[in-house]
Amino acid sequence: MEPTERVRSHFERDAQRFDAIYADEKKSVFARFVDKHIRGVVVERLRLVRALAPAKGSWSVLDVGCGPGRFSVDLAARGAARVLGVDISKEMLDLARRAASSRKVEDRCEFVVSSFRELNTTETFDISLGIGYFDYLTNPIEDLEKMAKDLPNERTLI
């Protein structure tokens, strides 16, 4: 199985469990402990991105490997005018669409099932996220170059 297919298969199976890292409801004490002390970096990444997001103006976000859309939806709720989330897992994007609807930002969020390399867009974005995305690549240079290309001058690559 190709690496991309292994990643897709993993997240198709474990989308709910992965998304649950961000939520505290209905977790055992042990699960909360593991999420806080072992997987806590996942939630810390979200806090960091929140701190780096623009406070004013109209801005757009490309969220590569957006998974269940936690970053995409949060940034839309914090003022992003447009968010494009891309992921290879349909299950993850189903969660992202539900989250956007729940937070009432679905009009600003678009979620596309695609590998990032195969994504064809002429849009540019003020912020490009690849949070956790590069963890699953053996050679990330092409993806990093593509992300940087889609940014206008003096924009943010996270």
C-alpha atoms as a PDB file:
ATOM      1  CA  MET A   1       0.000   0.000   0.000  1.00  0.00           C
ATOM      2  CA  GLU A   2       1.316   3.445  -0.939  1.00  0.00           C
ATOM      3  CA  PRO A   3       2.033   5.890   1.921  1.00  0.00           C
ATOM      4  CA  THR A   4      -0.862   8.152   0.857  1.00  0.00           C
ATOM      5  CA  GLU A   5      -3.258   5.214   0.881  1.00  0.00           C
ATOM      6  CA  ARG A   6      -2.036   4.123   4.321  1.00  0.00           C
ATOM      7  CA  VAL A   7      -2.631   7.619   5.689  1.00  0.00           C
ATOM      8  CA  ARG A   8      -6.071   7.839   4.048  1.00  0.00           C
ATOM      9  CA  SER A   9      -7.036   4.414   5.381  1.00  0.00           C
ATOM     10  CA  HIS A  10      -5.829   5.292   8.883  1.00  0.00           C
ATOM     11  CA  PHE A  11      -7.826   8.526   9.062  1.00  0.00           C
ATOM     12  CA  GLU A  12     -10.913   7.017   7.446  1.00  0.00           C
ATOM     13  CA  ARG A  13     -10.915   4.452  10.284  1.00  0.00           C
ATOM     14  CA  ASP A  14      -9.895   6.762  13.115  1.00  0.00           C
ATOM     15  CA  ALA A  15     -11.504  10.104  12.229  1.00  0.00           C
ATOM     16  CA  GLN A  16     -13.809  10.145  15.265  1.00  0.00           C
ATOM     17  CA  ARG A  17     -11.064   9.115  17.679  1.00  0.00           C
ATOM     18  CA  PHE A  18      -8.639  11.704  16.305  1.00  0.00           C
ATOM     19  CA  ASP A  19     -11.219  14.488  16.518  1.00  0.00           C
ATOM     20  CA  ALA A  20     -12.017  13.492  20.104  1.00  0.00           C
ATOM     21  CA  ILE A  21      -8.547  14.686  21.167  1.00  0.00           C
ATOM     22  CA  TYR A  22      -9.926  18.233  21.029  1.00  0.00           C
ATOM     23  CA  ALA A  23     -13.064  17.538  23.075  1.00  0.00           C
ATOM     24  CA  ASP A  24     -13.391  16.816  26.781  1.00  0.00           C
ATOM     25  CA  GLU A  25     -16.947  15.562  26.927  1.00  0.00           C
ATOM     26  CA  LYS A  26     -17.662  11.873  27.443  1.00  0.00           C
ATOM     27  CA  LYS A  27     -14.041  10.876  28.092  1.00  0.00           C
ATOM     28  CA  SER A  28     -12.742   8.651  30.809  1.00  0.00           C
ATOM     29  CA  VAL A  29     -10.234  10.043  33.270  1.00  0.00           C
ATOM     30  CA  PHE A  30      -7.550   7.930  31.596  1.00  0.00           C
ATOM     31  CA  ALA A  31      -8.435   9.237  28.100  1.00  0.00           C
ATOM     32  CA  ARG A  32      -8.320  12.842  29.346  1.00  0.00           C
ATOM     33  CA  PHE A  33      -4.914  12.163  30.945  1.00  0.00           C
ATOM     34  CA  VAL A  34      -3.508  10.654  27.725  1.00  0.00           C
ATOM     35  CA  ASP A  35      -4.861  13.501  25.600  1.00  0.00           C
ATOM     36  CA  LYS A  36      -3.471  16.152  27.926  1.00  0.00           C
ATOM     37  CA  HIS A  37      -0.041  14.673  28.648  1.00  0.00           C
ATOM     38  CA  ILE A  38       0.743  12.632  25.547  1.00  0.00           C
ATOM     39  CA  ARG A  39      -1.313  14.180  22.759  1.00  0.00           C
ATOM     40  CA  GLY A  40      -1.395  17.668  24.262  1.00  0.00           C
ATOM     41  CA  VAL A  41       0.790  19.073  21.501  1.00  0.00           C
ATOM     42  CA  VAL A  42      -2.168  18.728  19.128  1.00  0.00           C
ATOM     43  CA  VAL A  43      -4.265  21.139  21.206  1.00  0.00           C
ATOM     44  CA  GLU A  44      -1.269  23.416  21.811  1.00  0.00           C
ATOM     45  CA  ARG A  45      -0.856  23.778  18.050  1.00  0.00           C
ATOM     46  CA  LEU A  46      -4.423  25.117  17.872  1.00  0.00           C
ATOM     47  CA  ARG A  47      -3.675  27.668  20.610  1.00  0.00           C
ATOM     48  CA  LEU A  48      -0.560  28.805  18.730  1.00  0.00           C
ATOM     49  CA  VAL A  49      -2.434  29.233  15.457  1.00  0.00           C
ATOM     50  CA  ARG A  50      -5.131  31.249  17.238  1.00  0.00           C
ATOM     51  CA  ALA A  51      -2.436  33.565  18.606  1.00  0.00           C
ATOM     52  CA  LEU A  52      -0.916  34.074  15.137  1.00  0.00           C
ATOM     53  CA  ALA A  53      -4.193  34.747  13.309  1.00  0.00           C
ATOM     54  CA  PRO A  54      -4.904  38.316  12.200  1.00  0.00           C
ATOM     55  CA  ALA A  55      -7.163  40.315  14.482  1.00  0.00           C
ATOM     56  CA  LYS A  56      -8.579  42.651  11.832  1.00  0.00           C
ATOM     57  CA  GLY A  57      -9.280  42.947   8.146  1.00  0.00           C
ATOM     58  CA  SER A  58     -10.344  40.425   5.555  1.00  0.00           C
ATOM     59  CA  TRP A  59      -8.106  37.370   5.358  1.00  0.00           C
ATOM     60  CA  SER A  60      -8.183  33.882   3.896  1.00  0.00           C
ATOM     61  CA  VAL A  61      -6.831  30.508   4.954  1.00  0.00           C
ATOM     62  CA  LEU A  62      -5.659  27.378   3.157  1.00  0.00           C
ATOM     63  CA  ASP A  63      -5.665  24.475   5.621  1.00  0.00           C
ATOM     64  CA  VAL A  64      -3.746  21.553   4.110  1.00  0.00           C
ATOM     65  CA  GLY A  65      -4.452  18.235   5.791  1.00  0.00           C
ATOM     66  CA  CYS A  66      -7.292  19.922   7.681  1.00  0.00           C
ATOM     67  CA  GLY A  67      -8.635  16.676   9.138  1.00  0.00           C
ATOM     68  CA  PRO A  68     -11.807  17.268  11.166  1.00  0.00           C
ATOM     69  CA  GLY A  69     -11.561  21.008  10.502  1.00  0.00           C
ATOM     70  CA  ARG A  70     -10.793  22.194  14.017  1.00  0.00           C
ATOM     71  CA  PHE A  71      -8.320  24.823  12.784  1.00  0.00           C
ATOM     72  CA  SER A  72     -10.387  25.793   9.717  1.00  0.00           C
ATOM     73  CA  VAL A  73     -13.601  26.280  11.664  1.00  0.00           C
ATOM     74  CA  ASP A  74     -11.883  28.072  14.534  1.00  0.00           C
ATOM     75  CA  LEU A  75     -10.221  30.547  12.177  1.00  0.00           C
ATOM     76  CA  ALA A  76     -13.486  31.156  10.323  1.00  0.00           C
ATOM     77  CA  ALA A  77     -15.168  31.830  13.672  1.00  0.00           C
ATOM     78  CA  ARG A  78     -12.340  34.259  14.503  1.00  0.00           C
ATOM     79  CA  GLY A  79     -12.873  36.280  11.351  1.00  0.00           C
ATOM     80  CA  ALA A  80     -11.417  34.546   8.291  1.00  0.00           C
ATOM     81  CA  ALA A  81     -13.504  35.533   5.281  1.00  0.00           C
ATOM     82  CA  ARG A  82     -12.624  32.346   3.378  1.00  0.00           C
ATOM     83  CA  VAL A  83     -11.205  28.999   4.460  1.00  0.00           C
ATOM     84  CA  LEU A  84     -10.335  26.180   2.090  1.00  0.00           C
ATOM     85  CA  GLY A  85      -9.676  22.910   3.902  1.00  0.00           C
ATOM     86  CA  VAL A  86      -8.097  20.045   1.966  1.00  0.00           C
ATOM     87  CA  ASP A  87      -7.782  16.465   3.170  1.00  0.00           C
ATOM     88  CA  ILE A  88      -7.605  12.985   1.657  1.00  0.00           C
ATOM     89  CA  SER A  89     -10.099  11.548   4.145  1.00  0.00           C
ATOM     90  CA  LYS A  90     -13.801  11.906   3.384  1.00  0.00           C
ATOM     91  CA  GLU A  91     -14.613  10.880   6.962  1.00  0.00           C
ATOM     92  CA  MET A  92     -12.491  13.703   8.337  1.00  0.00           C
ATOM     93  CA  LEU A  93     -14.155  16.220   6.036  1.00  0.00           C
ATOM     94  CA  ASP A  94     -17.603  15.013   7.052  1.00  0.00           C
ATOM     95  CA  LEU A  95     -16.619  15.947  10.616  1.00  0.00           C
ATOM     96  CA  ALA A  96     -15.271  19.302   9.384  1.00  0.00           C
ATOM     97  CA  ARG A  97     -18.512  20.139   7.590  1.00  0.00           C
ATOM     98  CA  ARG A  98     -20.550  19.269  10.684  1.00  0.00           C
ATOM     99  CA  ALA A  99     -18.263  21.429  12.836  1.00  0.00           C
ATOM    100  CA  ALA A 100     -18.587  24.381  10.432  1.00  0.00           C
ATOM    101  CA  SER A 101     -22.354  24.034  10.460  1.00  0.00           C
ATOM    102  CA  SER A 102     -22.430  23.771  14.248  1.00  0.00           C
ATOM    103  CA  ARG A 103     -20.374  26.964  14.603  1.00  0.00           C
ATOM    104  CA  LYS A 104     -22.428  28.641  11.835  1.00  0.00           C
ATOM    105  CA  VAL A 105     -19.432  29.367   9.590  1.00  0.00           C
ATOM    106  CA  GLU A 106     -20.246  26.941   6.762  1.00  0.00           C
ATOM    107  CA  ASP A 107     -20.704  29.886   4.390  1.00  0.00           C
ATOM    108  CA  ARG A 108     -16.991  30.742   4.816  1.00  0.00           C
ATOM    109  CA  CYS A 109     -15.610  27.189   4.829  1.00  0.00           C
ATOM    110  CA  GLU A 110     -15.132  24.893   1.862  1.00  0.00           C
ATOM    111  CA  PHE A 111     -13.775  21.379   2.353  1.00  0.00           C
ATOM    112  CA  VAL A 112     -12.312  19.422  -0.563  1.00  0.00           C
ATOM    113  CA  VAL A 113     -11.413  15.728  -0.631  1.00  0.00           C
ATOM    114  CA  SER A 114      -8.080  15.704  -2.445  1.00  0.00           C
ATOM    115  CA  SER A 115      -4.406  15.212  -1.962  1.00  0.00           C
ATOM    116  CA  PHE A 116      -2.735  18.600  -1.717  1.00  0.00           C
ATOM    117  CA  ARG A 117      -0.458  17.887  -4.669  1.00  0.00           C
ATOM    118  CA  GLU A 118      -3.494  17.179  -6.857  1.00  0.00           C
ATOM    119  CA  LEU A 119      -5.417  20.253  -5.676  1.00  0.00           C
ATOM    120  CA  ASN A 120      -5.866  22.640  -8.562  1.00  0.00           C
ATOM    121  CA  THR A 121      -6.678  26.197  -7.535  1.00  0.00           C
ATOM    122  CA  THR A 122      -5.753  29.634  -8.771  1.00  0.00           C
ATOM    123  CA  GLU A 123      -6.565  31.239  -5.417  1.00  0.00           C
ATOM    124  CA  THR A 124      -3.981  32.775  -3.157  1.00  0.00           C
ATOM    125  CA  PHE A 125      -4.325  32.799   0.618  1.00  0.00           C
ATOM    126  CA  ASP A 126      -3.164  35.051   3.415  1.00  0.00           C
ATOM    127  CA  ILE A 127      -2.412  32.102   5.690  1.00  0.00           C
ATOM    128  CA  SER A 128      -1.446  28.559   4.720  1.00  0.00           C
ATOM    129  CA  LEU A 129      -1.543  25.880   7.408  1.00  0.00           C
ATOM    130  CA  GLY A 130       0.091  22.478   7.290  1.00  0.00           C
ATOM    131  CA  ILE A 131      -0.418  21.544  10.945  1.00  0.00           C
ATOM    132  CA  GLY A 132       0.576  17.910  11.336  1.00  0.00           C
ATOM    133  CA  TYR A 133       0.455  17.483   7.560  1.00  0.00           C
ATOM    134  CA  PHE A 134       4.191  17.163   7.067  1.00  0.00           C
ATOM    135  CA  ASP A 135       4.329  14.383   9.681  1.00  0.00           C
ATOM    136  CA  TYR A 136       2.989  12.017   7.019  1.00  0.00           C
ATOM    137  CA  LEU A 137       5.245  12.924   4.090  1.00  0.00           C
ATOM    138  CA  THR A 138       8.514  11.271   3.165  1.00  0.00           C
ATOM    139  CA  ASN A 139       9.613  14.194   0.954  1.00  0.00           C
ATOM    140  CA  PRO A 140       7.789  17.410   1.945  1.00  0.00           C
ATOM    141  CA  ILE A 141       9.744  19.863  -0.244  1.00  0.00           C
ATOM    142  CA  GLU A 142       7.277  19.847  -3.198  1.00  0.00           C
ATOM    143  CA  ASP A 143       4.334  20.356  -0.866  1.00  0.00           C
ATOM    144  CA  LEU A 144       6.061  23.168   1.018  1.00  0.00           C
ATOM    145  CA  GLU A 145       6.947  24.908  -2.252  1.00  0.00           C
ATOM    146  CA  LYS A 146       3.352  24.582  -3.480  1.00  0.00           C
ATOM    147  CA  MET A 147       2.025  26.042  -0.210  1.00  0.00           C
ATOM    148  CA  ALA A 148       4.443  28.973  -0.380  1.00  0.00           C
ATOM    149  CA  LYS A 149       3.548  29.631  -4.034  1.00  0.00           C
ATOM    150  CA  ASP A 150      -0.120  30.083  -3.091  1.00  0.00           C
ATOM    151  CA  LEU A 151       0.773  32.895  -0.663  1.00  0.00           C
ATOM    152  CA  PRO A 152       0.972  36.539  -1.722  1.00  0.00           C
ATOM    153  CA  ASN A 153       4.045  38.451  -0.526  1.00  0.00           C
ATOM    154  CA  GLU A 154       4.425  38.892   3.222  1.00  0.00           C
ATOM    155  CA  ARG A 155       1.781  36.350   4.208  1.00  0.00           C
ATOM    156  CA  THR A 156       2.004  33.539   6.715  1.00  0.00           C
ATOM    157  CA  LEU A 157       2.989  29.914   6.267  1.00  0.00           C
ATOM    158  CA  ILE A 158       2.367  27.895   9.437  1.00  0.00           C
END
